[in-house]
């Protein structure tokens, strides 16, 4: 598959949306890693939950599920999703 490194979550989300629109046969994901020398999960890539179903998968790894940076990223993605829905409704109303 294709791998793209992004500097911001917003940039990653936009690229994710583009892949969803243009590549129906692909299963795009936004992955993250946390550098923590004291954790067995340090520098491992893990998918960021983009739906409530995906959030259930995150619960299998309490380190990530409870990490404040991961939870902040989830809140940011939810906000980006809400903004996208509002934009979609405005575009339909035109």
PDB file of N, CA and C in Angstrom:
ATOM      1  N   UNK A   1       0.814  -1.179   0.000  1.00  0.00           N
ATOM      2  CA  UNK A   1       0.000   0.000   0.000  1.00  0.00           C
ATOM      3  C   UNK A   1       0.860   1.246   0.000  1.00  0.00           C
ATOM      4  N   UNK A   2       0.194   2.339  -0.108  1.00  0.00           N
ATOM      5  CA  UNK A   2       0.861   3.637  -0.134  1.00  0.00           C
ATOM      6  C   UNK A   2       0.978   4.188   1.278  1.00  0.00           C
ATOM      7  N   UNK A   3       2.088   4.847   1.556  1.00  0.00           N
ATOM      8  CA  UNK A   3       2.347   5.434   2.866  1.00  0.00           C
ATOM      9  C   UNK A   3       2.664   6.904   2.677  1.00  0.00           C
ATOM     10  N   UNK A   4       1.984   7.759   3.410  1.00  0.00           N
ATOM     11  CA  UNK A   4       2.225   9.192   3.342  1.00  0.00           C
ATOM     12  C   UNK A   4       2.442   9.703   4.755  1.00  0.00           C
ATOM     13  N   UNK A   5       3.513  10.419   4.969  1.00  0.00           N
ATOM     14  CA  UNK A   5       3.793  10.987   6.285  1.00  0.00           C
ATOM     15  C   UNK A   5       3.314  12.437   6.292  1.00  0.00           C
ATOM     16  N   UNK A   6       2.582  12.812   7.339  1.00  0.00           N
ATOM     17  CA  UNK A   6       2.034  14.163   7.447  1.00  0.00           C
ATOM     18  C   UNK A   6       2.523  14.822   8.726  1.00  0.00           C
ATOM     19  N   UNK A   7       2.579  16.136   8.688  1.00  0.00           N
ATOM     20  CA  UNK A   7       3.052  16.884   9.858  1.00  0.00           C
ATOM     21  C   UNK A   7       1.921  17.187  10.836  1.00  0.00           C
ATOM     22  N   UNK A   8       0.690  17.276  10.339  1.00  0.00           N
ATOM     23  CA  UNK A   8      -0.428  17.598  11.219  1.00  0.00           C
ATOM     24  C   UNK A   8      -1.548  16.587  11.041  1.00  0.00           C
ATOM     25  N   UNK A   9      -2.389  16.515  12.043  1.00  0.00           N
ATOM     26  CA  UNK A   9      -3.540  15.624  11.966  1.00  0.00           C
ATOM     27  C   UNK A   9      -4.516  16.103  10.897  1.00  0.00           C
ATOM     28  N   UNK A  10      -4.682  17.409  10.783  1.00  0.00           N
ATOM     29  CA  UNK A  10      -5.582  17.947   9.765  1.00  0.00           C
ATOM     30  C   UNK A  10      -5.114  17.563   8.358  1.00  0.00           C
ATOM     31  N   UNK A  11      -3.824  17.655   8.116  1.00  0.00           N
ATOM     32  CA  UNK A  11      -3.265  17.253   6.818  1.00  0.00           C
ATOM     33  C   UNK A  11      -3.507  15.763   6.574  1.00  0.00           C
ATOM     34  N   UNK A  12      -3.279  14.951   7.588  1.00  0.00           N
ATOM     35  CA  UNK A  12      -3.496  13.507   7.454  1.00  0.00           C
ATOM     36  C   UNK A  12      -4.962  13.206   7.177  1.00  0.00           C
ATOM     37  N   UNK A  13      -5.866  13.918   7.842  1.00  0.00           N
ATOM     38  CA  UNK A  13      -7.297  13.684   7.650  1.00  0.00           C
ATOM     39  C   UNK A  13      -7.719  14.054   6.225  1.00  0.00           C
ATOM     40  N   UNK A  14      -7.194  15.162   5.712  1.00  0.00           N
ATOM     41  CA  UNK A  14      -7.521  15.561   4.339  1.00  0.00           C
ATOM     42  C   UNK A  14      -7.034  14.517   3.336  1.00  0.00           C
ATOM     43  N   UNK A  15      -5.831  14.004   3.543  1.00  0.00           N
ATOM     44  CA  UNK A  15      -5.313  12.969   2.640  1.00  0.00           C
ATOM     45  C   UNK A  15      -6.133  11.686   2.766  1.00  0.00           C
ATOM     46  N   UNK A  16      -6.523  11.360   3.993  1.00  0.00           N
ATOM     47  CA  UNK A  16      -7.376  10.190   4.236  1.00  0.00           C
ATOM     48  C   UNK A  16      -8.687  10.330   3.452  1.00  0.00           C
ATOM     49  N   UNK A  17      -9.319  11.504   3.536  1.00  0.00           N
ATOM     50  CA  UNK A  17     -10.569  11.738   2.817  1.00  0.00           C
ATOM     51  C   UNK A  17     -10.373  11.610   1.309  1.00  0.00           C
ATOM     52  N   UNK A  18      -9.263  12.116   0.806  1.00  0.00           N
ATOM     53  CA  UNK A  18      -8.970  12.021  -0.628  1.00  0.00           C
ATOM     54  C   UNK A  18      -8.843  10.559  -1.046  1.00  0.00           C
ATOM     55  N   UNK A  19      -8.109   9.764  -0.256  1.00  0.00           N
ATOM     56  CA  UNK A  19      -7.960   8.343  -0.575  1.00  0.00           C
ATOM     57  C   UNK A  19      -9.302   7.628  -0.542  1.00  0.00           C
ATOM     58  N   UNK A  20     -10.158   7.989   0.401  1.00  0.00           N
ATOM     59  CA  UNK A  20     -11.483   7.367   0.479  1.00  0.00           C
ATOM     60  C   UNK A  20     -12.292   7.649  -0.785  1.00  0.00           C
ATOM     61  N   UNK A  21     -12.188   8.882  -1.313  1.00  0.00           N
ATOM     62  CA  UNK A  21     -12.940   9.256  -2.513  1.00  0.00           C
ATOM     63  C   UNK A  21     -12.371   8.632  -3.780  1.00  0.00           C
ATOM     64  N   UNK A  22     -11.058   8.542  -3.872  1.00  0.00           N
ATOM     65  CA  UNK A  22     -10.433   8.148  -5.136  1.00  0.00           C
ATOM     66  C   UNK A  22     -10.023   6.684  -5.208  1.00  0.00           C
ATOM     67  N   UNK A  23     -10.030   5.994  -4.108  1.00  0.00           N
ATOM     68  CA  UNK A  23      -9.531   4.615  -4.092  1.00  0.00           C
ATOM     69  C   UNK A  23     -10.494   3.706  -3.343  1.00  0.00           C
ATOM     70  N   UNK A  24     -11.592   3.384  -3.995  1.00  0.00           N
ATOM     71  CA  UNK A  24     -12.631   2.583  -3.344  1.00  0.00           C
ATOM     72  C   UNK A  24     -12.138   1.201  -2.928  1.00  0.00           C
ATOM     73  N   UNK A  25     -11.121   0.700  -3.595  1.00  0.00           N
ATOM     74  CA  UNK A  25     -10.623  -0.644  -3.284  1.00  0.00           C
ATOM     75  C   UNK A  25      -9.558  -0.641  -2.190  1.00  0.00           C
ATOM     76  N   UNK A  26      -9.202   0.543  -1.686  1.00  0.00           N
ATOM     77  CA  UNK A  26      -8.198   0.627  -0.621  1.00  0.00           C
ATOM     78  C   UNK A  26      -8.886   0.789   0.730  1.00  0.00           C
ATOM     79  N   UNK A  27      -8.179   0.460   1.772  1.00  0.00           N
ATOM     80  CA  UNK A  27      -8.665   0.653   3.140  1.00  0.00           C
ATOM     81  C   UNK A  27      -7.735   1.638   3.834  1.00  0.00           C
ATOM     82  N   UNK A  28      -7.907   2.935   3.580  1.00  0.00           N
ATOM     83  CA  UNK A  28      -6.989   3.903   4.171  1.00  0.00           C
ATOM     84  C   UNK A  28      -7.158   3.993   5.684  1.00  0.00           C
ATOM     85  N   UNK A  29      -6.109   4.432   6.339  1.00  0.00           N
ATOM     86  CA  UNK A  29      -6.127   4.617   7.789  1.00  0.00           C
ATOM     87  C   UNK A  29      -5.167   5.740   8.146  1.00  0.00           C
ATOM     88  N   UNK A  30      -5.414   6.329   9.294  1.00  0.00           N
ATOM     89  CA  UNK A  30      -4.472   7.286   9.866  1.00  0.00           C
ATOM     90  C   UNK A  30      -3.836   6.568  11.044  1.00  0.00           C
ATOM     91  N   UNK A  31      -2.526   6.442  11.006  1.00  0.00           N
ATOM     92  CA  UNK A  31      -1.824   5.752  12.086  1.00  0.00           C
ATOM     93  C   UNK A  31      -0.974   6.742  12.867  1.00  0.00           C
ATOM     94  N   UNK A  32      -0.701   6.394  14.109  1.00  0.00           N
ATOM     95  CA  UNK A  32       0.117   7.242  14.966  1.00  0.00           C
ATOM     96  C   UNK A  32       1.125   6.376  15.699  1.00  0.00           C
ATOM     97  N   UNK A  33       2.129   7.013  16.238  1.00  0.00           N
ATOM     98  CA  UNK A  33       3.070   6.334  17.133  1.00  0.00           C
ATOM     99  C   UNK A  33       3.457   7.322  18.223  1.00  0.00           C
ATOM    100  N   UNK A  34       3.777   6.788  19.383  1.00  0.00           N
ATOM    101  CA  UNK A  34       4.185   7.604  20.524  1.00  0.00           C
ATOM    102  C   UNK A  34       5.576   7.157  20.931  1.00  0.00           C
ATOM    103  N   UNK A  35       6.470   8.107  21.036  1.00  0.00           N
ATOM    104  CA  UNK A  35       7.821   7.779  21.485  1.00  0.00           C
ATOM    105  C   UNK A  35       7.853   7.867  23.009  1.00  0.00           C
ATOM    106  N   UNK A  36       7.960   6.715  23.646  1.00  0.00           N
ATOM    107  CA  UNK A  36       8.004   6.627  25.110  1.00  0.00           C
ATOM    108  C   UNK A  36       8.927   5.469  25.468  1.00  0.00           C
ATOM    109  N   UNK A  37      10.192   5.749  25.763  1.00  0.00           N
ATOM    110  CA  UNK A  37      11.166   4.686  26.028  1.00  0.00           C
ATOM    111  C   UNK A  37      10.759   3.731  27.152  1.00  0.00           C
ATOM    112  N   UNK A  38       9.833   4.157  28.001  1.00  0.00           N
ATOM    113  CA  UNK A  38       9.420   3.305  29.110  1.00  0.00           C
ATOM    114  C   UNK A  38       8.232   2.414  28.764  1.00  0.00           C
ATOM    115  N   UNK A  39       7.744   2.496  27.549  1.00  0.00           N
ATOM    116  CA  UNK A  39       6.587   1.700  27.145  1.00  0.00           C
ATOM    117  C   UNK A  39       6.991   0.642  26.124  1.00  0.00           C
ATOM    118  N   UNK A  40       6.363  -0.515  26.209  1.00  0.00           N
ATOM    119  CA  UNK A  40       6.611  -1.555  25.198  1.00  0.00           C
ATOM    120  C   UNK A  40       6.013  -1.150  23.851  1.00  0.00           C
ATOM    121  N   UNK A  41       5.135  -0.149  23.856  1.00  0.00           N
ATOM    122  CA  UNK A  41       4.493   0.309  22.625  1.00  0.00           C
ATOM    123  C   UNK A  41       5.241   1.467  21.967  1.00  0.00           C
ATOM    124  N   UNK A  42       6.374   1.857  22.502  1.00  0.00           N
ATOM    125  CA  UNK A  42       7.113   2.997  21.977  1.00  0.00           C
ATOM    126  C   UNK A  42       7.422   2.832  20.493  1.00  0.00           C
ATOM    127  N   UNK A  43       7.091   3.865  19.735  1.00  0.00           N
ATOM    128  CA  UNK A  43       7.372   3.952  18.292  1.00  0.00           C
ATOM    129  C   UNK A  43       6.638   2.918  17.445  1.00  0.00           C
ATOM    130  N   UNK A  44       5.694   2.189  18.017  1.00  0.00           N
ATOM    131  CA  UNK A  44       4.875   1.266  17.227  1.00  0.00           C
ATOM    132  C   UNK A  44       3.746   2.061  16.576  1.00  0.00           C
ATOM    133  N   UNK A  45       3.413   1.733  15.343  1.00  0.00           N
ATOM    134  CA  UNK A  45       2.311   2.416  14.670  1.00  0.00           C
ATOM    135  C   UNK A  45       1.005   1.705  14.990  1.00  0.00           C
ATOM    136  N   UNK A  46      -0.042   2.511  15.225  1.00  0.00           N
ATOM    137  CA  UNK A  46      -1.356   1.972  15.563  1.00  0.00           C
ATOM    138  C   UNK A  46      -2.399   2.854  14.884  1.00  0.00           C
ATOM    139  N   UNK A  47      -3.482   2.271  14.382  1.00  0.00           N
ATOM    140  CA  UNK A  47      -4.483   3.092  13.696  1.00  0.00           C
ATOM    141  C   UNK A  47      -5.252   4.001  14.655  1.00  0.00           C
ATOM    142  N   UNK A  48      -5.451   5.234  14.232  1.00  0.00           N
ATOM    143  CA  UNK A  48      -6.249   6.180  14.995  1.00  0.00           C
ATOM    144  C   UNK A  48      -7.720   5.875  14.720  1.00  0.00           C
ATOM    145  N   UNK A  49      -8.534   5.730  15.763  1.00  0.00           N
ATOM    146  CA  UNK A  49      -9.954   5.416  15.542  1.00  0.00           C
ATOM    147  C   UNK A  49     -10.672   6.541  14.800  1.00  0.00           C
ATOM    148  N   UNK A  50     -11.352   6.186  13.717  1.00  0.00           N
ATOM    149  CA  UNK A  50     -12.103   7.165  12.942  1.00  0.00           C
ATOM    150  C   UNK A  50     -13.603   6.929  13.045  1.00  0.00           C
ATOM    151  N   UNK A  51     -14.006   5.942  13.846  1.00  0.00           N
ATOM    152  CA  UNK A  51     -15.423   5.657  14.080  1.00  0.00           C
ATOM    153  C   UNK A  51     -15.562   5.037  15.463  1.00  0.00           C
ATOM    154  N   UNK A  52     -16.803   4.914  15.913  1.00  0.00           N
ATOM    155  CA  UNK A  52     -17.017   4.309  17.234  1.00  0.00           C
ATOM    156  C   UNK A  52     -16.607   2.838  17.230  1.00  0.00           C
ATOM    157  N   UNK A  53     -16.762   2.162  16.087  1.00  0.00           N
ATOM    158  CA  UNK A  53     -16.324   0.764  15.984  1.00  0.00           C
ATOM    159  C   UNK A  53     -14.807   0.671  16.169  1.00  0.00           C
ATOM    160  N   UNK A  54     -14.089   1.575  15.516  1.00  0.00           N
ATOM    161  CA  UNK A  54     -12.629   1.598  15.653  1.00  0.00           C
ATOM    162  C   UNK A  54     -12.212   1.920  17.083  1.00  0.00           C
ATOM    163  N   UNK A  55     -13.008   2.728  17.763  1.00  0.00           N
ATOM    164  CA  UNK A  55     -12.684   3.095  19.147  1.00  0.00           C
ATOM    165  C   UNK A  55     -12.684   1.841  20.025  1.00  0.00           C
ATOM    166  N   UNK A  56     -13.578   0.906  19.722  1.00  0.00           N
ATOM    167  CA  UNK A  56     -13.602  -0.359  20.457  1.00  0.00           C
ATOM    168  C   UNK A  56     -12.300  -1.121  20.301  1.00  0.00           C
ATOM    169  N   UNK A  57     -11.707  -1.066  19.117  1.00  0.00           N
ATOM    170  CA  UNK A  57     -10.424  -1.739  18.890  1.00  0.00           C
ATOM    171  C   UNK A  57      -9.318  -1.115  19.732  1.00  0.00           C
ATOM    172  N   UNK A  58      -9.386   0.189  19.921  1.00  0.00           N
ATOM    173  CA  UNK A  58      -8.373   0.883  20.708  1.00  0.00           C
ATOM    174  C   UNK A  58      -8.408   0.436  22.171  1.00  0.00           C
ATOM    175  N   UNK A  59      -9.572   0.037  22.641  1.00  0.00           N
ATOM    176  CA  UNK A  59      -9.715  -0.396  24.033  1.00  0.00           C
ATOM    177  C   UNK A  59      -8.899  -1.649  24.338  1.00  0.00           C
ATOM    178  N   UNK A  60      -8.500  -2.369  23.312  1.00  0.00           N
ATOM    179  CA  UNK A  60      -7.667  -3.560  23.521  1.00  0.00           C
ATOM    180  C   UNK A  60      -6.243  -3.197  23.957  1.00  0.00           C
ATOM    181  N   UNK A  61      -5.870  -1.944  23.762  1.00  0.00           N
ATOM    182  CA  UNK A  61      -4.534  -1.486  24.154  1.00  0.00           C
ATOM    183  C   UNK A  61      -4.711  -0.316  25.132  1.00  0.00           C
ATOM    184  N   UNK A  62      -4.857  -0.606  26.424  1.00  0.00           N
ATOM    185  CA  UNK A  62      -5.115   0.451  27.408  1.00  0.00           C
ATOM    186  C   UNK A  62      -4.100   1.593  27.372  1.00  0.00           C
ATOM    187  N   UNK A  63      -2.854   1.293  27.059  1.00  0.00           N
ATOM    188  CA  UNK A  63      -1.832   2.350  27.000  1.00  0.00           C
ATOM    189  C   UNK A  63      -2.261   3.442  26.030  1.00  0.00           C
ATOM    190  N   UNK A  64      -2.730   3.053  24.842  1.00  0.00           N
ATOM    191  CA  UNK A  64      -3.182   4.030  23.855  1.00  0.00           C
ATOM    192  C   UNK A  64      -4.553   4.593  24.225  1.00  0.00           C
ATOM    193  N   UNK A  65      -5.443   3.730  24.660  1.00  0.00           N
ATOM    194  CA  UNK A  65      -6.807   4.143  24.975  1.00  0.00           C
ATOM    195  C   UNK A  65      -6.841   5.228  26.046  1.00  0.00           C
ATOM    196  N   UNK A  66      -5.907   5.176  26.967  1.00  0.00           N
ATOM    197  CA  UNK A  66      -5.888   6.124  28.084  1.00  0.00           C
ATOM    198  C   UNK A  66      -4.891   7.267  27.888  1.00  0.00           C
ATOM    199  N   UNK A  67      -4.139   7.243  26.815  1.00  0.00           N
ATOM    200  CA  UNK A  67      -3.102   8.262  26.614  1.00  0.00           C
ATOM    201  C   UNK A  67      -3.748   9.601  26.242  1.00  0.00           C
ATOM    202  N   UNK A  68      -3.391  10.685  26.944  1.00  0.00           N
ATOM    203  CA  UNK A  68      -4.009  11.989  26.667  1.00  0.00           C
ATOM    204  C   UNK A  68      -3.777  12.501  25.242  1.00  0.00           C
ATOM    205  N   UNK A  69      -2.627  12.228  24.648  1.00  0.00           N
ATOM    206  CA  UNK A  69      -2.386  12.681  23.268  1.00  0.00           C
ATOM    207  C   UNK A  69      -3.280  11.945  22.277  1.00  0.00           C
ATOM    208  N   UNK A  70      -3.492  10.665  22.507  1.00  0.00           N
ATOM    209  CA  UNK A  70      -4.372   9.886  21.628  1.00  0.00           C
ATOM    210  C   UNK A  70      -5.804  10.392  21.764  1.00  0.00           C
ATOM    211  N   UNK A  71      -6.235  10.627  22.995  1.00  0.00           N
ATOM    212  CA  UNK A  71      -7.596  11.117  23.207  1.00  0.00           C
ATOM    213  C   UNK A  71      -7.798  12.504  22.612  1.00  0.00           C
ATOM    214  N   UNK A  72      -6.794  13.345  22.667  1.00  0.00           N
ATOM    215  CA  UNK A  72      -6.882  14.664  22.039  1.00  0.00           C
ATOM    216  C   UNK A  72      -6.967  14.524  20.516  1.00  0.00           C
ATOM    217  N   UNK A  73      -6.199  13.625  19.946  1.00  0.00           N
ATOM    218  CA  UNK A  73      -6.253  13.395  18.496  1.00  0.00           C
ATOM    219  C   UNK A  73      -7.634  12.891  18.089  1.00  0.00           C
ATOM    220  N   UNK A  74      -8.224  12.023  18.892  1.00  0.00           N
ATOM    221  CA  UNK A  74      -9.575  11.525  18.599  1.00  0.00           C
ATOM    222  C   UNK A  74     -10.570  12.682  18.625  1.00  0.00           C
ATOM    223  N   UNK A  75     -10.466  13.561  19.614  1.00  0.00           N
ATOM    224  CA  UNK A  75     -11.357  14.730  19.683  1.00  0.00           C
ATOM    225  C   UNK A  75     -11.175  15.620  18.443  1.00  0.00           C
ATOM    226  N   UNK A  76      -9.936  15.793  18.013  1.00  0.00           N
ATOM    227  CA  UNK A  76      -9.679  16.617  16.828  1.00  0.00           C
ATOM    228  C   UNK A  76     -10.285  15.989  15.573  1.00  0.00           C
ATOM    229  N   UNK A  77     -10.160  14.676  15.438  1.00  0.00           N
ATOM    230  CA  UNK A  77     -10.743  13.994  14.277  1.00  0.00           C
ATOM    231  C   UNK A  77     -12.264  14.128  14.306  1.00  0.00           C
ATOM    232  N   UNK A  78     -12.859  13.965  15.471  1.00  0.00           N
ATOM    233  CA  UNK A  78     -14.313  14.123  15.583  1.00  0.00           C
ATOM    234  C   UNK A  78     -14.730  15.528  15.164  1.00  0.00           C
ATOM    235  N   UNK A  79     -13.951  16.526  15.547  1.00  0.00           N
ATOM    236  CA  UNK A  79     -14.237  17.907  15.157  1.00  0.00           C
ATOM    237  C   UNK A  79     -14.103  18.074  13.642  1.00  0.00           C
ATOM    238  N   UNK A  80     -13.074  17.501  13.048  1.00  0.00           N
ATOM    239  CA  UNK A  80     -12.903  17.563  11.590  1.00  0.00           C
ATOM    240  C   UNK A  80     -14.064  16.875  10.878  1.00  0.00           C
ATOM    241  N   UNK A  81     -14.532  15.760  11.416  1.00  0.00           N
ATOM    242  CA  UNK A  81     -15.665  15.057  10.821  1.00  0.00           C
ATOM    243  C   UNK A  81     -16.933  15.913  10.887  1.00  0.00           C
ATOM    244  N   UNK A  82     -17.155  16.590  12.018  1.00  0.00           N
ATOM    245  CA  UNK A  82     -18.322  17.472  12.147  1.00  0.00           C
ATOM    246  C   UNK A  82     -18.240  18.625  11.154  1.00  0.00           C
ATOM    247  N   UNK A  83     -17.057  19.209  11.005  1.00  0.00           N
ATOM    248  CA  UNK A  83     -16.882  20.300  10.047  1.00  0.00           C
ATOM    249  C   UNK A  83     -17.172  19.824   8.631  1.00  0.00           C
ATOM    250  N   UNK A  84     -16.727  18.622   8.313  1.00  0.00           N
ATOM    251  CA  UNK A  84     -16.961  18.072   6.982  1.00  0.00           C
ATOM    252  C   UNK A  84     -18.457  17.856   6.743  1.00  0.00           C
ATOM    253  N   UNK A  85     -19.171  17.353   7.751  1.00  0.00           N
ATOM    254  CA  UNK A  85     -20.612  17.145   7.619  1.00  0.00           C
ATOM    255  C   UNK A  85     -21.335  18.471   7.397  1.00  0.00           C
ATOM    256  N   UNK A  86     -20.955  19.508   8.145  1.00  0.00           N
ATOM    257  CA  UNK A  86     -21.573  20.825   7.973  1.00  0.00           C
ATOM    258  C   UNK A  86     -21.331  21.346   6.562  1.00  0.00           C
ATOM    259  N   UNK A  87     -20.109  21.169   6.066  1.00  0.00           N
ATOM    260  CA  UNK A  87     -19.776  21.626   4.715  1.00  0.00           C
ATOM    261  C   UNK A  87     -20.600  20.869   3.681  1.00  0.00           C
ATOM    262  N   UNK A  88     -20.762  19.565   3.894  1.00  0.00           N
ATOM    263  CA  UNK A  88     -21.539  18.744   2.977  1.00  0.00           C
ATOM    264  C   UNK A  88     -22.988  19.235   2.918  1.00  0.00           C
ATOM    265  N   UNK A  89     -23.564  19.542   4.084  1.00  0.00           N
ATOM    266  CA  UNK A  89     -24.945  20.024   4.139  1.00  0.00           C
ATOM    267  C   UNK A  89     -25.086  21.391   3.475  1.00  0.00           C
ATOM    268  N   UNK A  90     -24.096  22.261   3.662  1.00  0.00           N
ATOM    269  CA  UNK A  90     -24.131  23.575   3.002  1.00  0.00           C
ATOM    270  C   UNK A  90     -24.057  23.418   1.488  1.00  0.00           C
ATOM    271  N   UNK A  91     -23.196  22.516   1.019  1.00  0.00           N
ATOM    272  CA  UNK A  91     -23.044  22.302  -0.421  1.00  0.00           C
ATOM    273  C   UNK A  91     -24.323  21.742  -1.032  1.00  0.00           C
ATOM    274  N   UNK A  92     -25.008  20.864  -0.311  1.00  0.00           N
ATOM    275  CA  UNK A  92     -26.258  20.277  -0.802  1.00  0.00           C
ATOM    276  C   UNK A  92     -27.350  21.339  -0.850  1.00  0.00           C
ATOM    277  N   UNK A  93     -27.356  22.240   0.117  1.00  0.00           N
ATOM    278  CA  UNK A  93     -28.379  23.285   0.189  1.00  0.00           C
ATOM    279  C   UNK A  93     -28.255  24.303  -0.940  1.00  0.00           C
ATOM    280  N   UNK A  94     -27.111  24.402  -1.552  1.00  0.00           N
ATOM    281  CA  UNK A  94     -26.907  25.389  -2.636  1.00  0.00           C
ATOM    282  C   UNK A  94     -27.582  24.967  -3.857  1.00  0.00           C
TER     283      UNK A  94
END
